[in-house]
Amino acid sequence: MEGVGAGAGFRKELVSRLLHAHFKDDKTKVSGDSLQLMAELLKIFVVEAAVRAVRQAQAEDAILVDVDQLEKVLPQLLLDF
């Protein structure tokens, strides 16, 4: 990601490569609108994960957010998405 601002997000090329890595048929195509939608969904997911990890760290009176907080919030985050 380029940053956390409103205009920041994942590049379509990256999203396309991520999607195609999991397709069974190499000839599968994804439209530009679908790539844009997936990029937005990924951005929302990553920002939400970061926010939840920060809240978890605050609840634990931790000064820094690390992998431990992310691991604690990830199961519920995955269920929510």
N, C-alpha and C. Protein backbone atom coordinates (compact mmCIF):
# COMPACT_ATOMS: atom_id res chain seq x y z
N MET A 1 0.84 -1.17 0.00
CA MET A 1 0.00 0.00 0.00
C MET A 1 0.88 1.23 0.00
N GLU A 2 0.38 2.28 -0.55
CA GLU A 2 1.14 3.51 -0.67
C GLU A 2 1.01 4.37 0.57
N GLY A 3 0.10 4.09 1.43
CA GLY A 3 -0.15 4.87 2.63
C GLY A 3 -1.54 4.57 3.12
N VAL A 4 -2.00 5.28 4.11
CA VAL A 4 -3.31 4.99 4.67
C VAL A 4 -4.33 6.05 4.27
N GLY A 5 -3.94 6.99 3.44
CA GLY A 5 -4.84 8.04 3.02
C GLY A 5 -5.99 7.51 2.17
N ALA A 6 -6.96 8.38 1.89
CA ALA A 6 -8.15 7.98 1.14
C ALA A 6 -7.81 7.49 -0.26
N GLY A 7 -6.76 8.02 -0.88
CA GLY A 7 -6.42 7.63 -2.23
C GLY A 7 -5.48 6.44 -2.31
N ALA A 8 -4.96 6.00 -1.18
CA ALA A 8 -3.99 4.91 -1.17
C ALA A 8 -4.71 3.58 -1.36
N GLY A 9 -3.98 2.62 -1.90
CA GLY A 9 -4.58 1.31 -2.09
C GLY A 9 -3.62 0.38 -2.80
N PHE A 10 -4.13 -0.76 -3.18
CA PHE A 10 -3.34 -1.75 -3.89
C PHE A 10 -3.42 -1.50 -5.39
N ARG A 11 -2.31 -1.65 -6.07
CA ARG A 11 -2.30 -1.49 -7.53
C ARG A 11 -3.04 -2.65 -8.18
N LYS A 12 -3.69 -2.36 -9.29
CA LYS A 12 -4.45 -3.39 -10.00
C LYS A 12 -3.55 -4.54 -10.45
N GLU A 13 -2.32 -4.24 -10.80
CA GLU A 13 -1.40 -5.28 -11.25
C GLU A 13 -1.14 -6.30 -10.13
N LEU A 14 -0.97 -5.80 -8.91
CA LEU A 14 -0.74 -6.67 -7.77
C LEU A 14 -1.97 -7.52 -7.49
N VAL A 15 -3.13 -6.91 -7.51
CA VAL A 15 -4.38 -7.64 -7.26
C VAL A 15 -4.57 -8.71 -8.33
N SER A 16 -4.28 -8.37 -9.55
CA SER A 16 -4.41 -9.33 -10.65
C SER A 16 -3.48 -10.53 -10.43
N ARG A 17 -2.25 -10.26 -10.04
CA ARG A 17 -1.30 -11.36 -9.80
C ARG A 17 -1.74 -12.23 -8.63
N LEU A 18 -2.26 -11.60 -7.58
CA LEU A 18 -2.75 -12.37 -6.43
C LEU A 18 -3.92 -13.27 -6.83
N LEU A 19 -4.85 -12.72 -7.58
CA LEU A 19 -6.00 -13.51 -8.02
C LEU A 19 -5.58 -14.65 -8.94
N HIS A 20 -4.75 -14.33 -9.93
CA HIS A 20 -4.34 -15.35 -10.90
C HIS A 20 -3.50 -16.46 -10.27
N ALA A 21 -2.85 -16.16 -9.16
CA ALA A 21 -2.07 -17.19 -8.48
C ALA A 21 -2.96 -18.30 -7.93
N HIS A 22 -4.25 -18.02 -7.78
CA HIS A 22 -5.16 -19.01 -7.21
C HIS A 22 -6.18 -19.56 -8.20
N PHE A 23 -6.12 -19.11 -9.43
CA PHE A 23 -7.02 -19.65 -10.46
C PHE A 23 -6.50 -20.99 -10.94
N LYS A 24 -7.41 -21.91 -11.18
CA LYS A 24 -7.01 -23.22 -11.70
C LYS A 24 -6.74 -23.16 -13.20
N ASP A 25 -7.49 -22.31 -13.90
CA ASP A 25 -7.34 -22.18 -15.34
C ASP A 25 -6.54 -20.90 -15.64
N ASP A 26 -5.39 -21.05 -16.29
CA ASP A 26 -4.54 -19.90 -16.61
C ASP A 26 -5.21 -18.92 -17.57
N LYS A 27 -6.26 -19.36 -18.27
CA LYS A 27 -6.93 -18.50 -19.24
C LYS A 27 -8.01 -17.63 -18.61
N THR A 28 -8.24 -17.77 -17.30
CA THR A 28 -9.26 -16.98 -16.62
C THR A 28 -8.89 -15.50 -16.67
N LYS A 29 -9.86 -14.68 -16.99
CA LYS A 29 -9.64 -13.24 -17.07
C LYS A 29 -10.49 -12.53 -16.03
N VAL A 30 -10.00 -11.37 -15.61
CA VAL A 30 -10.71 -10.56 -14.62
C VAL A 30 -10.87 -9.16 -15.20
N SER A 31 -12.08 -8.63 -15.13
CA SER A 31 -12.32 -7.30 -15.69
C SER A 31 -11.69 -6.22 -14.83
N GLY A 32 -11.49 -5.06 -15.42
CA GLY A 32 -10.92 -3.93 -14.70
C GLY A 32 -11.76 -3.52 -13.51
N ASP A 33 -13.08 -3.57 -13.67
CA ASP A 33 -13.97 -3.22 -12.55
C ASP A 33 -13.83 -4.21 -11.40
N SER A 34 -13.66 -5.49 -11.74
CA SER A 34 -13.48 -6.50 -10.70
C SER A 34 -12.17 -6.30 -9.96
N LEU A 35 -11.12 -5.95 -10.69
CA LEU A 35 -9.83 -5.68 -10.06
C LEU A 35 -9.93 -4.47 -9.13
N GLN A 36 -10.63 -3.44 -9.57
CA GLN A 36 -10.79 -2.25 -8.75
C GLN A 36 -11.57 -2.58 -7.48
N LEU A 37 -12.61 -3.39 -7.60
CA LEU A 37 -13.41 -3.79 -6.45
C LEU A 37 -12.58 -4.62 -5.47
N MET A 38 -11.81 -5.56 -5.98
CA MET A 38 -10.96 -6.39 -5.12
C MET A 38 -9.88 -5.54 -4.43
N ALA A 39 -9.33 -4.58 -5.15
CA ALA A 39 -8.32 -3.69 -4.56
C ALA A 39 -8.93 -2.90 -3.40
N GLU A 40 -10.13 -2.43 -3.57
CA GLU A 40 -10.82 -1.69 -2.50
C GLU A 40 -11.11 -2.60 -1.31
N LEU A 41 -11.53 -3.82 -1.58
CA LEU A 41 -11.81 -4.78 -0.51
C LEU A 41 -10.53 -5.11 0.27
N LEU A 42 -9.44 -5.32 -0.43
CA LEU A 42 -8.16 -5.58 0.23
C LEU A 42 -7.73 -4.40 1.10
N LYS A 43 -7.92 -3.19 0.59
CA LYS A 43 -7.55 -1.99 1.35
C LYS A 43 -8.37 -1.92 2.64
N ILE A 44 -9.66 -2.15 2.53
CA ILE A 44 -10.54 -2.11 3.70
C ILE A 44 -10.12 -3.18 4.70
N PHE A 45 -9.81 -4.37 4.21
CA PHE A 45 -9.40 -5.48 5.07
C PHE A 45 -8.13 -5.13 5.84
N VAL A 46 -7.14 -4.60 5.14
CA VAL A 46 -5.85 -4.28 5.77
C VAL A 46 -6.00 -3.15 6.78
N VAL A 47 -6.75 -2.14 6.44
CA VAL A 47 -6.97 -1.02 7.38
C VAL A 47 -7.73 -1.51 8.61
N GLU A 48 -8.74 -2.32 8.41
CA GLU A 48 -9.51 -2.86 9.54
C GLU A 48 -8.62 -3.73 10.43
N ALA A 49 -7.76 -4.54 9.83
CA ALA A 49 -6.84 -5.36 10.61
C ALA A 49 -5.92 -4.48 11.46
N ALA A 50 -5.43 -3.41 10.88
CA ALA A 50 -4.54 -2.50 11.60
C ALA A 50 -5.27 -1.82 12.76
N VAL A 51 -6.48 -1.36 12.50
CA VAL A 51 -7.26 -0.68 13.54
C VAL A 51 -7.55 -1.63 14.70
N ARG A 52 -7.95 -2.84 14.37
CA ARG A 52 -8.25 -3.82 15.43
C ARG A 52 -6.99 -4.19 16.22
N ALA A 53 -5.88 -4.30 15.54
CA ALA A 53 -4.62 -4.62 16.23
C ALA A 53 -4.22 -3.49 17.17
N VAL A 54 -4.43 -2.24 16.75
CA VAL A 54 -4.14 -1.09 17.61
C VAL A 54 -5.04 -1.12 18.85
N ARG A 55 -6.32 -1.39 18.65
CA ARG A 55 -7.24 -1.46 19.79
C ARG A 55 -6.84 -2.58 20.75
N GLN A 56 -6.41 -3.71 20.20
CA GLN A 56 -5.96 -4.82 21.03
C GLN A 56 -4.73 -4.42 21.84
N ALA A 57 -3.80 -3.75 21.20
CA ALA A 57 -2.59 -3.29 21.89
C ALA A 57 -2.95 -2.30 23.00
N GLN A 58 -3.89 -1.41 22.73
CA GLN A 58 -4.32 -0.46 23.75
C GLN A 58 -4.95 -1.17 24.94
N ALA A 59 -5.74 -2.20 24.65
CA ALA A 59 -6.38 -2.96 25.73
C ALA A 59 -5.34 -3.68 26.59
N GLU A 60 -4.22 -4.02 25.99
CA GLU A 60 -3.14 -4.70 26.71
C GLU A 60 -2.11 -3.72 27.28
N ASP A 61 -2.37 -2.42 27.14
CA ASP A 61 -1.44 -1.37 27.57
C ASP A 61 -0.07 -1.54 26.92
N ALA A 62 -0.05 -2.02 25.70
CA ALA A 62 1.20 -2.17 24.96
C ALA A 62 1.55 -0.84 24.28
N ILE A 63 2.82 -0.56 24.21
CA ILE A 63 3.27 0.68 23.58
C ILE A 63 3.30 0.53 22.06
N LEU A 64 3.68 -0.64 21.59
CA LEU A 64 3.76 -0.92 20.16
C LEU A 64 2.83 -2.05 19.77
N VAL A 65 2.36 -2.00 18.55
CA VAL A 65 1.56 -3.09 18.00
C VAL A 65 2.53 -4.07 17.34
N ASP A 66 2.38 -5.34 17.67
CA ASP A 66 3.22 -6.34 17.01
C ASP A 66 2.36 -7.49 16.53
N VAL A 67 3.00 -8.52 16.08
CA VAL A 67 2.31 -9.67 15.49
C VAL A 67 1.35 -10.31 16.48
N ASP A 68 1.67 -10.27 17.76
CA ASP A 68 0.81 -10.89 18.77
C ASP A 68 -0.60 -10.30 18.75
N GLN A 69 -0.69 -8.99 18.68
CA GLN A 69 -2.02 -8.35 18.63
C GLN A 69 -2.76 -8.70 17.34
N LEU A 70 -2.04 -8.71 16.24
CA LEU A 70 -2.66 -9.06 14.97
C LEU A 70 -3.18 -10.50 15.00
N GLU A 71 -2.40 -11.40 15.57
CA GLU A 71 -2.84 -12.80 15.66
C GLU A 71 -4.08 -12.94 16.54
N LYS A 72 -4.22 -12.10 17.53
CA LYS A 72 -5.38 -12.17 18.41
C LYS A 72 -6.66 -11.68 17.74
N VAL A 73 -6.54 -10.69 16.85
CA VAL A 73 -7.73 -10.14 16.21
C VAL A 73 -8.06 -10.82 14.88
N LEU A 74 -7.13 -11.55 14.32
CA LEU A 74 -7.32 -12.13 12.99
C LEU A 74 -8.48 -13.11 12.89
N PRO A 75 -8.69 -14.03 13.85
CA PRO A 75 -9.81 -14.97 13.70
C PRO A 75 -11.16 -14.27 13.56
N GLN A 76 -11.44 -13.28 14.42
CA GLN A 76 -12.72 -12.57 14.32
C GLN A 76 -12.79 -11.74 13.05
N LEU A 77 -11.68 -11.16 12.66
CA LEU A 77 -11.65 -10.38 11.42
C LEU A 77 -12.00 -11.24 10.22
N LEU A 78 -11.43 -12.43 10.16
CA LEU A 78 -11.73 -13.34 9.05
C LEU A 78 -13.20 -13.75 9.06
N LEU A 79 -13.76 -13.95 10.24
CA LEU A 79 -15.18 -14.29 10.33
C LEU A 79 -16.06 -13.13 9.86
N ASP A 80 -15.63 -11.91 10.17
CA ASP A 80 -16.41 -10.73 9.78
C ASP A 80 -16.38 -10.49 8.27
N PHE A 81 -15.31 -10.92 7.63
CA PHE A 81 -15.22 -10.73 6.18
C PHE A 81 -15.71 -11.98 5.50
